PDBML (XML) file of the C-alpha atoms, coordinates in Angstrom:
<?xml version="1.0" encoding="UTF-8" ?>
<PDBx:datablock datablockName="MODEL"
   xmlns:PDBx="http://pdbml.pdb.org/schema/pdbx-v50.xsd"
   xmlns:xsi="http://www.w3.org/2001/XMLSchema-instance"
   xsi:schemaLocation="http://pdbml.pdb.org/schema/pdbx-v50.xsd pdbx-v50.xsd">
   <PDBx:atom_siteCategory>
      <PDBx:atom_site id="1">
         <PDBx:B_iso_or_equiv>0.00</PDBx:B_iso_or_equiv>
         <PDBx:Cartn_x>20.356</PDBx:Cartn_x>
         <PDBx:Cartn_y>11.449</PDBx:Cartn_y>
         <PDBx:Cartn_z>-19.790</PDBx:Cartn_z>
         <PDBx:auth_asym_id>A</PDBx:auth_asym_id>
         <PDBx:auth_atom_id>CA</PDBx:auth_atom_id>
         <PDBx:auth_comp_id>SER</PDBx:auth_comp_id>
         <PDBx:auth_seq_id>1</PDBx:auth_seq_id>
         <PDBx:group_PDB>ATOM</PDBx:group_PDB>
         <PDBx:label_alt_id xsi:nil="true" />
         <PDBx:label_asym_id>A</PDBx:label_asym_id>
         <PDBx:label_atom_id>CA</PDBx:label_atom_id>
         <PDBx:label_comp_id>SER</PDBx:label_comp_id>
         <PDBx:label_entity_id>1</PDBx:label_entity_id>
         <PDBx:label_seq_id>1</PDBx:label_seq_id>
         <PDBx:occupancy>1.00</PDBx:occupancy>
         <PDBx:pdbx_PDB_model_num>1</PDBx:pdbx_PDB_model_num>
         <PDBx:type_symbol>C</PDBx:type_symbol>
      </PDBx:atom_site>
      <PDBx:atom_site id="2">
         <PDBx:B_iso_or_equiv>0.00</PDBx:B_iso_or_equiv>
         <PDBx:Cartn_x>18.219</PDBx:Cartn_x>
         <PDBx:Cartn_y>13.890</PDBx:Cartn_y>
         <PDBx:Cartn_z>-17.988</PDBx:Cartn_z>
         <PDBx:auth_asym_id>A</PDBx:auth_asym_id>
         <PDBx:auth_atom_id>CA</PDBx:auth_atom_id>
         <PDBx:auth_comp_id>PRO</PDBx:auth_comp_id>
         <PDBx:auth_seq_id>2</PDBx:auth_seq_id>
         <PDBx:group_PDB>ATOM</PDBx:group_PDB>
         <PDBx:label_alt_id xsi:nil="true" />
         <PDBx:label_asym_id>A</PDBx:label_asym_id>
         <PDBx:label_atom_id>CA</PDBx:label_atom_id>
         <PDBx:label_comp_id>PRO</PDBx:label_comp_id>
         <PDBx:label_entity_id>1</PDBx:label_entity_id>
         <PDBx:label_seq_id>2</PDBx:label_seq_id>
         <PDBx:occupancy>1.00</PDBx:occupancy>
         <PDBx:pdbx_PDB_model_num>1</PDBx:pdbx_PDB_model_num>
         <PDBx:type_symbol>C</PDBx:type_symbol>
      </PDBx:atom_site>
      <PDBx:atom_site id="3">
         <PDBx:B_iso_or_equiv>0.00</PDBx:B_iso_or_equiv>
         <PDBx:Cartn_x>20.882</PDBx:Cartn_x>
         <PDBx:Cartn_y>16.389</PDBx:Cartn_y>
         <PDBx:Cartn_z>-17.492</PDBx:Cartn_z>
         <PDBx:auth_asym_id>A</PDBx:auth_asym_id>
         <PDBx:auth_atom_id>CA</PDBx:auth_atom_id>
         <PDBx:auth_comp_id>GLU</PDBx:auth_comp_id>
         <PDBx:auth_seq_id>3</PDBx:auth_seq_id>
         <PDBx:group_PDB>ATOM</PDBx:group_PDB>
         <PDBx:label_alt_id xsi:nil="true" />
         <PDBx:label_asym_id>A</PDBx:label_asym_id>
         <PDBx:label_atom_id>CA</PDBx:label_atom_id>
         <PDBx:label_comp_id>GLU</PDBx:label_comp_id>
         <PDBx:label_entity_id>1</PDBx:label_entity_id>
         <PDBx:label_seq_id>3</PDBx:label_seq_id>
         <PDBx:occupancy>1.00</PDBx:occupancy>
         <PDBx:pdbx_PDB_model_num>1</PDBx:pdbx_PDB_model_num>
         <PDBx:type_symbol>C</PDBx:type_symbol>
      </PDBx:atom_site>
      <PDBx:atom_site id="4">
         <PDBx:B_iso_or_equiv>0.00</PDBx:B_iso_or_equiv>
         <PDBx:Cartn_x>21.459</PDBx:Cartn_x>
         <PDBx:Cartn_y>16.252</PDBx:Cartn_y>
         <PDBx:Cartn_z>-21.603</PDBx:Cartn_z>
         <PDBx:auth_asym_id>A</PDBx:auth_asym_id>
         <PDBx:auth_atom_id>CA</PDBx:auth_atom_id>
         <PDBx:auth_comp_id>THR</PDBx:auth_comp_id>
         <PDBx:auth_seq_id>4</PDBx:auth_seq_id>
         <PDBx:group_PDB>ATOM</PDBx:group_PDB>
         <PDBx:label_alt_id xsi:nil="true" />
         <PDBx:label_asym_id>A</PDBx:label_asym_id>
         <PDBx:label_atom_id>CA</PDBx:label_atom_id>
         <PDBx:label_comp_id>THR</PDBx:label_comp_id>
         <PDBx:label_entity_id>1</PDBx:label_entity_id>
         <PDBx:label_seq_id>4</PDBx:label_seq_id>
         <PDBx:occupancy>1.00</PDBx:occupancy>
         <PDBx:pdbx_PDB_model_num>1</PDBx:pdbx_PDB_model_num>
         <PDBx:type_symbol>C</PDBx:type_symbol>
      </PDBx:atom_site>
      <PDBx:atom_site id="5">
         <PDBx:B_iso_or_equiv>0.00</PDBx:B_iso_or_equiv>
         <PDBx:Cartn_x>17.841</PDBx:Cartn_x>
         <PDBx:Cartn_y>16.945</PDBx:Cartn_y>
         <PDBx:Cartn_z>-22.006</PDBx:Cartn_z>
         <PDBx:auth_asym_id>A</PDBx:auth_asym_id>
         <PDBx:auth_atom_id>CA</PDBx:auth_atom_id>
         <PDBx:auth_comp_id>LEU</PDBx:auth_comp_id>
         <PDBx:auth_seq_id>5</PDBx:auth_seq_id>
         <PDBx:group_PDB>ATOM</PDBx:group_PDB>
         <PDBx:label_alt_id xsi:nil="true" />
         <PDBx:label_asym_id>A</PDBx:label_asym_id>
         <PDBx:label_atom_id>CA</PDBx:label_atom_id>
         <PDBx:label_comp_id>LEU</PDBx:label_comp_id>
         <PDBx:label_entity_id>1</PDBx:label_entity_id>
         <PDBx:label_seq_id>5</PDBx:label_seq_id>
         <PDBx:occupancy>1.00</PDBx:occupancy>
         <PDBx:pdbx_PDB_model_num>1</PDBx:pdbx_PDB_model_num>
         <PDBx:type_symbol>C</PDBx:type_symbol>
      </PDBx:atom_site>
      <PDBx:atom_site id="6">
         <PDBx:B_iso_or_equiv>0.00</PDBx:B_iso_or_equiv>
         <PDBx:Cartn_x>17.790</PDBx:Cartn_x>
         <PDBx:Cartn_y>19.773</PDBx:Cartn_y>
         <PDBx:Cartn_z>-19.612</PDBx:Cartn_z>
         <PDBx:auth_asym_id>A</PDBx:auth_asym_id>
         <PDBx:auth_atom_id>CA</PDBx:auth_atom_id>
         <PDBx:auth_comp_id>ARG</PDBx:auth_comp_id>
         <PDBx:auth_seq_id>6</PDBx:auth_seq_id>
         <PDBx:group_PDB>ATOM</PDBx:group_PDB>
         <PDBx:label_alt_id xsi:nil="true" />
         <PDBx:label_asym_id>A</PDBx:label_asym_id>
         <PDBx:label_atom_id>CA</PDBx:label_atom_id>
         <PDBx:label_comp_id>ARG</PDBx:label_comp_id>
         <PDBx:label_entity_id>1</PDBx:label_entity_id>
         <PDBx:label_seq_id>6</PDBx:label_seq_id>
         <PDBx:occupancy>1.00</PDBx:occupancy>
         <PDBx:pdbx_PDB_model_num>1</PDBx:pdbx_PDB_model_num>
         <PDBx:type_symbol>C</PDBx:type_symbol>
      </PDBx:atom_site>
      <PDBx:atom_site id="7">
         <PDBx:B_iso_or_equiv>0.00</PDBx:B_iso_or_equiv>
         <PDBx:Cartn_x>20.919</PDBx:Cartn_x>
         <PDBx:Cartn_y>21.347</PDBx:Cartn_y>
         <PDBx:Cartn_z>-21.067</PDBx:Cartn_z>
         <PDBx:auth_asym_id>A</PDBx:auth_asym_id>
         <PDBx:auth_atom_id>CA</PDBx:auth_atom_id>
         <PDBx:auth_comp_id>LYS</PDBx:auth_comp_id>
         <PDBx:auth_seq_id>7</PDBx:auth_seq_id>
         <PDBx:group_PDB>ATOM</PDBx:group_PDB>
         <PDBx:label_alt_id xsi:nil="true" />
         <PDBx:label_asym_id>A</PDBx:label_asym_id>
         <PDBx:label_atom_id>CA</PDBx:label_atom_id>
         <PDBx:label_comp_id>LYS</PDBx:label_comp_id>
         <PDBx:label_entity_id>1</PDBx:label_entity_id>
         <PDBx:label_seq_id>7</PDBx:label_seq_id>
         <PDBx:occupancy>1.00</PDBx:occupancy>
         <PDBx:pdbx_PDB_model_num>1</PDBx:pdbx_PDB_model_num>
         <PDBx:type_symbol>C</PDBx:type_symbol>
      </PDBx:atom_site>
      <PDBx:atom_site id="8">
         <PDBx:B_iso_or_equiv>0.00</PDBx:B_iso_or_equiv>
         <PDBx:Cartn_x>19.064</PDBx:Cartn_x>
         <PDBx:Cartn_y>21.072</PDBx:Cartn_y>
         <PDBx:Cartn_z>-24.786</PDBx:Cartn_z>
         <PDBx:auth_asym_id>A</PDBx:auth_asym_id>
         <PDBx:auth_atom_id>CA</PDBx:auth_atom_id>
         <PDBx:auth_comp_id>ILE</PDBx:auth_comp_id>
         <PDBx:auth_seq_id>8</PDBx:auth_seq_id>
         <PDBx:group_PDB>ATOM</PDBx:group_PDB>
         <PDBx:label_alt_id xsi:nil="true" />
         <PDBx:label_asym_id>A</PDBx:label_asym_id>
         <PDBx:label_atom_id>CA</PDBx:label_atom_id>
         <PDBx:label_comp_id>ILE</PDBx:label_comp_id>
         <PDBx:label_entity_id>1</PDBx:label_entity_id>
         <PDBx:label_seq_id>8</PDBx:label_seq_id>
         <PDBx:occupancy>1.00</PDBx:occupancy>
         <PDBx:pdbx_PDB_model_num>1</PDBx:pdbx_PDB_model_num>
         <PDBx:type_symbol>C</PDBx:type_symbol>
      </PDBx:atom_site>
      <PDBx:atom_site id="9">
         <PDBx:B_iso_or_equiv>0.00</PDBx:B_iso_or_equiv>
         <PDBx:Cartn_x>15.933</PDBx:Cartn_x>
         <PDBx:Cartn_y>22.678</PDBx:Cartn_y>
         <PDBx:Cartn_z>-23.508</PDBx:Cartn_z>
         <PDBx:auth_asym_id>A</PDBx:auth_asym_id>
         <PDBx:auth_atom_id>CA</PDBx:auth_atom_id>
         <PDBx:auth_comp_id>GLU</PDBx:auth_comp_id>
         <PDBx:auth_seq_id>9</PDBx:auth_seq_id>
         <PDBx:group_PDB>ATOM</PDBx:group_PDB>
         <PDBx:label_alt_id xsi:nil="true" />
         <PDBx:label_asym_id>A</PDBx:label_asym_id>
         <PDBx:label_atom_id>CA</PDBx:label_atom_id>
         <PDBx:label_comp_id>GLU</PDBx:label_comp_id>
         <PDBx:label_entity_id>1</PDBx:label_entity_id>
         <PDBx:label_seq_id>9</PDBx:label_seq_id>
         <PDBx:occupancy>1.00</PDBx:occupancy>
         <PDBx:pdbx_PDB_model_num>1</PDBx:pdbx_PDB_model_num>
         <PDBx:type_symbol>C</PDBx:type_symbol>
      </PDBx:atom_site>
      <PDBx:atom_site id="10">
         <PDBx:B_iso_or_equiv>0.00</PDBx:B_iso_or_equiv>
         <PDBx:Cartn_x>17.769</PDBx:Cartn_x>
         <PDBx:Cartn_y>25.582</PDBx:Cartn_y>
         <PDBx:Cartn_z>-21.536</PDBx:Cartn_z>
         <PDBx:auth_asym_id>A</PDBx:auth_asym_id>
         <PDBx:auth_atom_id>CA</PDBx:auth_atom_id>
         <PDBx:auth_comp_id>ALA</PDBx:auth_comp_id>
         <PDBx:auth_seq_id>10</PDBx:auth_seq_id>
         <PDBx:group_PDB>ATOM</PDBx:group_PDB>
         <PDBx:label_alt_id xsi:nil="true" />
         <PDBx:label_asym_id>A</PDBx:label_asym_id>
         <PDBx:label_atom_id>CA</PDBx:label_atom_id>
         <PDBx:label_comp_id>ALA</PDBx:label_comp_id>
         <PDBx:label_entity_id>1</PDBx:label_entity_id>
         <PDBx:label_seq_id>10</PDBx:label_seq_id>
         <PDBx:occupancy>1.00</PDBx:occupancy>
         <PDBx:pdbx_PDB_model_num>1</PDBx:pdbx_PDB_model_num>
         <PDBx:type_symbol>C</PDBx:type_symbol>
      </PDBx:atom_site>
      <PDBx:atom_site id="11">
         <PDBx:B_iso_or_equiv>0.00</PDBx:B_iso_or_equiv>
         <PDBx:Cartn_x>19.676</PDBx:Cartn_x>
         <PDBx:Cartn_y>26.172</PDBx:Cartn_y>
         <PDBx:Cartn_z>-24.936</PDBx:Cartn_z>
         <PDBx:auth_asym_id>A</PDBx:auth_asym_id>
         <PDBx:auth_atom_id>CA</PDBx:auth_atom_id>
         <PDBx:auth_comp_id>GLY</PDBx:auth_comp_id>
         <PDBx:auth_seq_id>11</PDBx:auth_seq_id>
         <PDBx:group_PDB>ATOM</PDBx:group_PDB>
         <PDBx:label_alt_id xsi:nil="true" />
         <PDBx:label_asym_id>A</PDBx:label_asym_id>
         <PDBx:label_atom_id>CA</PDBx:label_atom_id>
         <PDBx:label_comp_id>GLY</PDBx:label_comp_id>
         <PDBx:label_entity_id>1</PDBx:label_entity_id>
         <PDBx:label_seq_id>11</PDBx:label_seq_id>
         <PDBx:occupancy>1.00</PDBx:occupancy>
         <PDBx:pdbx_PDB_model_num>1</PDBx:pdbx_PDB_model_num>
         <PDBx:type_symbol>C</PDBx:type_symbol>
      </PDBx:atom_site>
      <PDBx:atom_site id="12">
         <PDBx:B_iso_or_equiv>0.00</PDBx:B_iso_or_equiv>
         <PDBx:Cartn_x>22.943</PDBx:Cartn_x>
         <PDBx:Cartn_y>25.271</PDBx:Cartn_y>
         <PDBx:Cartn_z>-22.898</PDBx:Cartn_z>
         <PDBx:auth_asym_id>A</PDBx:auth_asym_id>
         <PDBx:auth_atom_id>CA</PDBx:auth_atom_id>
         <PDBx:auth_comp_id>ARG</PDBx:auth_comp_id>
         <PDBx:auth_seq_id>12</PDBx:auth_seq_id>
         <PDBx:group_PDB>ATOM</PDBx:group_PDB>
         <PDBx:label_alt_id xsi:nil="true" />
         <PDBx:label_asym_id>A</PDBx:label_asym_id>
         <PDBx:label_atom_id>CA</PDBx:label_atom_id>
         <PDBx:label_comp_id>ARG</PDBx:label_comp_id>
         <PDBx:label_entity_id>1</PDBx:label_entity_id>
         <PDBx:label_seq_id>12</PDBx:label_seq_id>
         <PDBx:occupancy>1.00</PDBx:occupancy>
         <PDBx:pdbx_PDB_model_num>1</PDBx:pdbx_PDB_model_num>
         <PDBx:type_symbol>C</PDBx:type_symbol>
      </PDBx:atom_site>
      <PDBx:atom_site id="13">
         <PDBx:B_iso_or_equiv>0.00</PDBx:B_iso_or_equiv>
         <PDBx:Cartn_x>23.346</PDBx:Cartn_x>
         <PDBx:Cartn_y>22.483</PDBx:Cartn_y>
         <PDBx:Cartn_z>-25.702</PDBx:Cartn_z>
         <PDBx:auth_asym_id>A</PDBx:auth_asym_id>
         <PDBx:auth_atom_id>CA</PDBx:auth_atom_id>
         <PDBx:auth_comp_id>LEU</PDBx:auth_comp_id>
         <PDBx:auth_seq_id>13</PDBx:auth_seq_id>
         <PDBx:group_PDB>ATOM</PDBx:group_PDB>
         <PDBx:label_alt_id xsi:nil="true" />
         <PDBx:label_asym_id>A</PDBx:label_asym_id>
         <PDBx:label_atom_id>CA</PDBx:label_atom_id>
         <PDBx:label_comp_id>LEU</PDBx:label_comp_id>
         <PDBx:label_entity_id>1</PDBx:label_entity_id>
         <PDBx:label_seq_id>13</PDBx:label_seq_id>
         <PDBx:occupancy>1.00</PDBx:occupancy>
         <PDBx:pdbx_PDB_model_num>1</PDBx:pdbx_PDB_model_num>
         <PDBx:type_symbol>C</PDBx:type_symbol>
      </PDBx:atom_site>
      <PDBx:atom_site id="14">
         <PDBx:B_iso_or_equiv>0.00</PDBx:B_iso_or_equiv>
         <PDBx:Cartn_x>22.543</PDBx:Cartn_x>
         <PDBx:Cartn_y>24.511</PDBx:Cartn_y>
         <PDBx:Cartn_z>-28.594</PDBx:Cartn_z>
         <PDBx:auth_asym_id>A</PDBx:auth_asym_id>
         <PDBx:auth_atom_id>CA</PDBx:auth_atom_id>
         <PDBx:auth_comp_id>PRO</PDBx:auth_comp_id>
         <PDBx:auth_seq_id>14</PDBx:auth_seq_id>
         <PDBx:group_PDB>ATOM</PDBx:group_PDB>
         <PDBx:label_alt_id xsi:nil="true" />
         <PDBx:label_asym_id>A</PDBx:label_asym_id>
         <PDBx:label_atom_id>CA</PDBx:label_atom_id>
         <PDBx:label_comp_id>PRO</PDBx:label_comp_id>
         <PDBx:label_entity_id>1</PDBx:label_entity_id>
         <PDBx:label_seq_id>14</PDBx:label_seq_id>
         <PDBx:occupancy>1.00</PDBx:occupancy>
         <PDBx:pdbx_PDB_model_num>1</PDBx:pdbx_PDB_model_num>
         <PDBx:type_symbol>C</PDBx:type_symbol>
      </PDBx:atom_site>
      <PDBx:atom_site id="15">
         <PDBx:B_iso_or_equiv>0.00</PDBx:B_iso_or_equiv>
         <PDBx:Cartn_x>23.927</PDBx:Cartn_x>
         <PDBx:Cartn_y>21.761</PDBx:Cartn_y>
         <PDBx:Cartn_z>-31.256</PDBx:Cartn_z>
         <PDBx:auth_asym_id>A</PDBx:auth_asym_id>
         <PDBx:auth_atom_id>CA</PDBx:auth_atom_id>
         <PDBx:auth_comp_id>ALA</PDBx:auth_comp_id>
         <PDBx:auth_seq_id>15</PDBx:auth_seq_id>
         <PDBx:group_PDB>ATOM</PDBx:group_PDB>
         <PDBx:label_alt_id xsi:nil="true" />
         <PDBx:label_asym_id>A</PDBx:label_asym_id>
         <PDBx:label_atom_id>CA</PDBx:label_atom_id>
         <PDBx:label_comp_id>ALA</PDBx:label_comp_id>
         <PDBx:label_entity_id>1</PDBx:label_entity_id>
         <PDBx:label_seq_id>15</PDBx:label_seq_id>
         <PDBx:occupancy>1.00</PDBx:occupancy>
         <PDBx:pdbx_PDB_model_num>1</PDBx:pdbx_PDB_model_num>
         <PDBx:type_symbol>C</PDBx:type_symbol>
      </PDBx:atom_site>
      <PDBx:atom_site id="16">
         <PDBx:B_iso_or_equiv>0.00</PDBx:B_iso_or_equiv>
         <PDBx:Cartn_x>22.832</PDBx:Cartn_x>
         <PDBx:Cartn_y>18.256</PDBx:Cartn_y>
         <PDBx:Cartn_z>-29.903</PDBx:Cartn_z>
         <PDBx:auth_asym_id>A</PDBx:auth_asym_id>
         <PDBx:auth_atom_id>CA</PDBx:auth_atom_id>
         <PDBx:auth_comp_id>PRO</PDBx:auth_comp_id>
         <PDBx:auth_seq_id>16</PDBx:auth_seq_id>
         <PDBx:group_PDB>ATOM</PDBx:group_PDB>
         <PDBx:label_alt_id xsi:nil="true" />
         <PDBx:label_asym_id>A</PDBx:label_asym_id>
         <PDBx:label_atom_id>CA</PDBx:label_atom_id>
         <PDBx:label_comp_id>PRO</PDBx:label_comp_id>
         <PDBx:label_entity_id>1</PDBx:label_entity_id>
         <PDBx:label_seq_id>16</PDBx:label_seq_id>
         <PDBx:occupancy>1.00</PDBx:occupancy>
         <PDBx:pdbx_PDB_model_num>1</PDBx:pdbx_PDB_model_num>
         <PDBx:type_symbol>C</PDBx:type_symbol>
      </PDBx:atom_site>
      <PDBx:atom_site id="17">
         <PDBx:B_iso_or_equiv>0.00</PDBx:B_iso_or_equiv>
         <PDBx:Cartn_x>23.704</PDBx:Cartn_x>
         <PDBx:Cartn_y>15.324</PDBx:Cartn_y>
         <PDBx:Cartn_z>-31.893</PDBx:Cartn_z>
         <PDBx:auth_asym_id>A</PDBx:auth_asym_id>
         <PDBx:auth_atom_id>CA</PDBx:auth_atom_id>
         <PDBx:auth_comp_id>ALA</PDBx:auth_comp_id>
         <PDBx:auth_seq_id>17</PDBx:auth_seq_id>
         <PDBx:group_PDB>ATOM</PDBx:group_PDB>
         <PDBx:label_alt_id xsi:nil="true" />
         <PDBx:label_asym_id>A</PDBx:label_asym_id>
         <PDBx:label_atom_id>CA</PDBx:label_atom_id>
         <PDBx:label_comp_id>ALA</PDBx:label_comp_id>
         <PDBx:label_entity_id>1</PDBx:label_entity_id>
         <PDBx:label_seq_id>17</PDBx:label_seq_id>
         <PDBx:occupancy>1.00</PDBx:occupancy>
         <PDBx:pdbx_PDB_model_num>1</PDBx:pdbx_PDB_model_num>
         <PDBx:type_symbol>C</PDBx:type_symbol>
      </PDBx:atom_site>
      <PDBx:atom_site id="18">
         <PDBx:B_iso_or_equiv>0.00</PDBx:B_iso_or_equiv>
         <PDBx:Cartn_x>21.762</PDBx:Cartn_x>
         <PDBx:Cartn_y>14.328</PDBx:Cartn_y>
         <PDBx:Cartn_z>-34.869</PDBx:Cartn_z>
         <PDBx:auth_asym_id>A</PDBx:auth_asym_id>
         <PDBx:auth_atom_id>CA</PDBx:auth_atom_id>
         <PDBx:auth_comp_id>PHE</PDBx:auth_comp_id>
         <PDBx:auth_seq_id>18</PDBx:auth_seq_id>
         <PDBx:group_PDB>ATOM</PDBx:group_PDB>
         <PDBx:label_alt_id xsi:nil="true" />
         <PDBx:label_asym_id>A</PDBx:label_asym_id>
         <PDBx:label_atom_id>CA</PDBx:label_atom_id>
         <PDBx:label_comp_id>PHE</PDBx:label_comp_id>
         <PDBx:label_entity_id>1</PDBx:label_entity_id>
         <PDBx:label_seq_id>18</PDBx:label_seq_id>
         <PDBx:occupancy>1.00</PDBx:occupancy>
         <PDBx:pdbx_PDB_model_num>1</PDBx:pdbx_PDB_model_num>
         <PDBx:type_symbol>C</PDBx:type_symbol>
      </PDBx:atom_site>
      <PDBx:atom_site id="19">
         <PDBx:B_iso_or_equiv>0.00</PDBx:B_iso_or_equiv>
         <PDBx:Cartn_x>20.976</PDBx:Cartn_x>
         <PDBx:Cartn_y>10.743</PDBx:Cartn_y>
         <PDBx:Cartn_z>-33.393</PDBx:Cartn_z>
         <PDBx:auth_asym_id>A</PDBx:auth_asym_id>
         <PDBx:auth_atom_id>CA</PDBx:auth_atom_id>
         <PDBx:auth_comp_id>GLY</PDBx:auth_comp_id>
         <PDBx:auth_seq_id>19</PDBx:auth_seq_id>
         <PDBx:group_PDB>ATOM</PDBx:group_PDB>
         <PDBx:label_alt_id xsi:nil="true" />
         <PDBx:label_asym_id>A</PDBx:label_asym_id>
         <PDBx:label_atom_id>CA</PDBx:label_atom_id>
         <PDBx:label_comp_id>GLY</PDBx:label_comp_id>
         <PDBx:label_entity_id>1</PDBx:label_entity_id>
         <PDBx:label_seq_id>19</PDBx:label_seq_id>
         <PDBx:occupancy>1.00</PDBx:occupancy>
         <PDBx:pdbx_PDB_model_num>1</PDBx:pdbx_PDB_model_num>
         <PDBx:type_symbol>C</PDBx:type_symbol>
      </PDBx:atom_site>
      <PDBx:atom_site id="20">
         <PDBx:B_iso_or_equiv>0.00</PDBx:B_iso_or_equiv>
         <PDBx:Cartn_x>19.872</PDBx:Cartn_x>
         <PDBx:Cartn_y>12.678</PDBx:Cartn_y>
         <PDBx:Cartn_z>-30.109</PDBx:Cartn_z>
         <PDBx:auth_asym_id>A</PDBx:auth_asym_id>
         <PDBx:auth_atom_id>CA</PDBx:auth_atom_id>
         <PDBx:auth_comp_id>THR</PDBx:auth_comp_id>
         <PDBx:auth_seq_id>20</PDBx:auth_seq_id>
         <PDBx:group_PDB>ATOM</PDBx:group_PDB>
         <PDBx:label_alt_id xsi:nil="true" />
         <PDBx:label_asym_id>A</PDBx:label_asym_id>
         <PDBx:label_atom_id>CA</PDBx:label_atom_id>
         <PDBx:label_comp_id>THR</PDBx:label_comp_id>
         <PDBx:label_entity_id>1</PDBx:label_entity_id>
         <PDBx:label_seq_id>20</PDBx:label_seq_id>
         <PDBx:occupancy>1.00</PDBx:occupancy>
         <PDBx:pdbx_PDB_model_num>1</PDBx:pdbx_PDB_model_num>
         <PDBx:type_symbol>C</PDBx:type_symbol>
      </PDBx:atom_site>
      <PDBx:atom_site id="21">
         <PDBx:B_iso_or_equiv>0.00</PDBx:B_iso_or_equiv>
         <PDBx:Cartn_x>17.344</PDBx:Cartn_x>
         <PDBx:Cartn_y>14.973</PDBx:Cartn_y>
         <PDBx:Cartn_z>-31.908</PDBx:Cartn_z>
         <PDBx:auth_asym_id>A</PDBx:auth_asym_id>
         <PDBx:auth_atom_id>CA</PDBx:auth_atom_id>
         <PDBx:auth_comp_id>VAL</PDBx:auth_comp_id>
         <PDBx:auth_seq_id>21</PDBx:auth_seq_id>
         <PDBx:group_PDB>ATOM</PDBx:group_PDB>
         <PDBx:label_alt_id xsi:nil="true" />
         <PDBx:label_asym_id>A</PDBx:label_asym_id>
         <PDBx:label_atom_id>CA</PDBx:label_atom_id>
         <PDBx:label_comp_id>VAL</PDBx:label_comp_id>
         <PDBx:label_entity_id>1</PDBx:label_entity_id>
         <PDBx:label_seq_id>21</PDBx:label_seq_id>
         <PDBx:occupancy>1.00</PDBx:occupancy>
         <PDBx:pdbx_PDB_model_num>1</PDBx:pdbx_PDB_model_num>
         <PDBx:type_symbol>C</PDBx:type_symbol>
      </PDBx:atom_site>
      <PDBx:atom_site id="22">
         <PDBx:B_iso_or_equiv>0.00</PDBx:B_iso_or_equiv>
         <PDBx:Cartn_x>16.037</PDBx:Cartn_x>
         <PDBx:Cartn_y>11.855</PDBx:Cartn_y>
         <PDBx:Cartn_z>-33.926</PDBx:Cartn_z>
         <PDBx:auth_asym_id>A</PDBx:auth_asym_id>
         <PDBx:auth_atom_id>CA</PDBx:auth_atom_id>
         <PDBx:auth_comp_id>VAL</PDBx:auth_comp_id>
         <PDBx:auth_seq_id>22</PDBx:auth_seq_id>
         <PDBx:group_PDB>ATOM</PDBx:group_PDB>
         <PDBx:label_alt_id xsi:nil="true" />
         <PDBx:label_asym_id>A</PDBx:label_asym_id>
         <PDBx:label_atom_id>CA</PDBx:label_atom_id>
         <PDBx:label_comp_id>VAL</PDBx:label_comp_id>
         <PDBx:label_entity_id>1</PDBx:label_entity_id>
         <PDBx:label_seq_id>22</PDBx:label_seq_id>
         <PDBx:occupancy>1.00</PDBx:occupancy>
         <PDBx:pdbx_PDB_model_num>1</PDBx:pdbx_PDB_model_num>
         <PDBx:type_symbol>C</PDBx:type_symbol>
      </PDBx:atom_site>
      <PDBx:atom_site id="23">
         <PDBx:B_iso_or_equiv>0.00</PDBx:B_iso_or_equiv>
         <PDBx:Cartn_x>15.482</PDBx:Cartn_x>
         <PDBx:Cartn_y>9.858</PDBx:Cartn_y>
         <PDBx:Cartn_z>-30.573</PDBx:Cartn_z>
         <PDBx:auth_asym_id>A</PDBx:auth_asym_id>
         <PDBx:auth_atom_id>CA</PDBx:auth_atom_id>
         <PDBx:auth_comp_id>CYS</PDBx:auth_comp_id>
         <PDBx:auth_seq_id>23</PDBx:auth_seq_id>
         <PDBx:group_PDB>ATOM</PDBx:group_PDB>
         <PDBx:label_alt_id xsi:nil="true" />
         <PDBx:label_asym_id>A</PDBx:label_asym_id>
         <PDBx:label_atom_id>CA</PDBx:label_atom_id>
         <PDBx:label_comp_id>CYS</PDBx:label_comp_id>
         <PDBx:label_entity_id>1</PDBx:label_entity_id>
         <PDBx:label_seq_id>23</PDBx:label_seq_id>
         <PDBx:occupancy>1.00</PDBx:occupancy>
         <PDBx:pdbx_PDB_model_num>1</PDBx:pdbx_PDB_model_num>
         <PDBx:type_symbol>C</PDBx:type_symbol>
      </PDBx:atom_site>
      <PDBx:atom_site id="24">
         <PDBx:B_iso_or_equiv>0.00</PDBx:B_iso_or_equiv>
         <PDBx:Cartn_x>13.961</PDBx:Cartn_x>
         <PDBx:Cartn_y>12.841</PDBx:Cartn_y>
         <PDBx:Cartn_z>-28.955</PDBx:Cartn_z>
         <PDBx:auth_asym_id>A</PDBx:auth_asym_id>
         <PDBx:auth_atom_id>CA</PDBx:auth_atom_id>
         <PDBx:auth_comp_id>LEU</PDBx:auth_comp_id>
         <PDBx:auth_seq_id>24</PDBx:auth_seq_id>
         <PDBx:group_PDB>ATOM</PDBx:group_PDB>
         <PDBx:label_alt_id xsi:nil="true" />
         <PDBx:label_asym_id>A</PDBx:label_asym_id>
         <PDBx:label_atom_id>CA</PDBx:label_atom_id>
         <PDBx:label_comp_id>LEU</PDBx:label_comp_id>
         <PDBx:label_entity_id>1</PDBx:label_entity_id>
         <PDBx:label_seq_id>24</PDBx:label_seq_id>
         <PDBx:occupancy>1.00</PDBx:occupancy>
         <PDBx:pdbx_PDB_model_num>1</PDBx:pdbx_PDB_model_num>
         <PDBx:type_symbol>C</PDBx:type_symbol>
      </PDBx:atom_site>
   </PDBx:atom_siteCategory>
</PDBx:datablock>
C-alpha cells in the first residue's frame, strides 16, 4: 500500500517485513 511505503520512507515503520524489502 502507498501508506506502507510512506511509513517506511518516513522511518515510522523501521523494520518492514523481509518480503516487503525484497519487493521494493
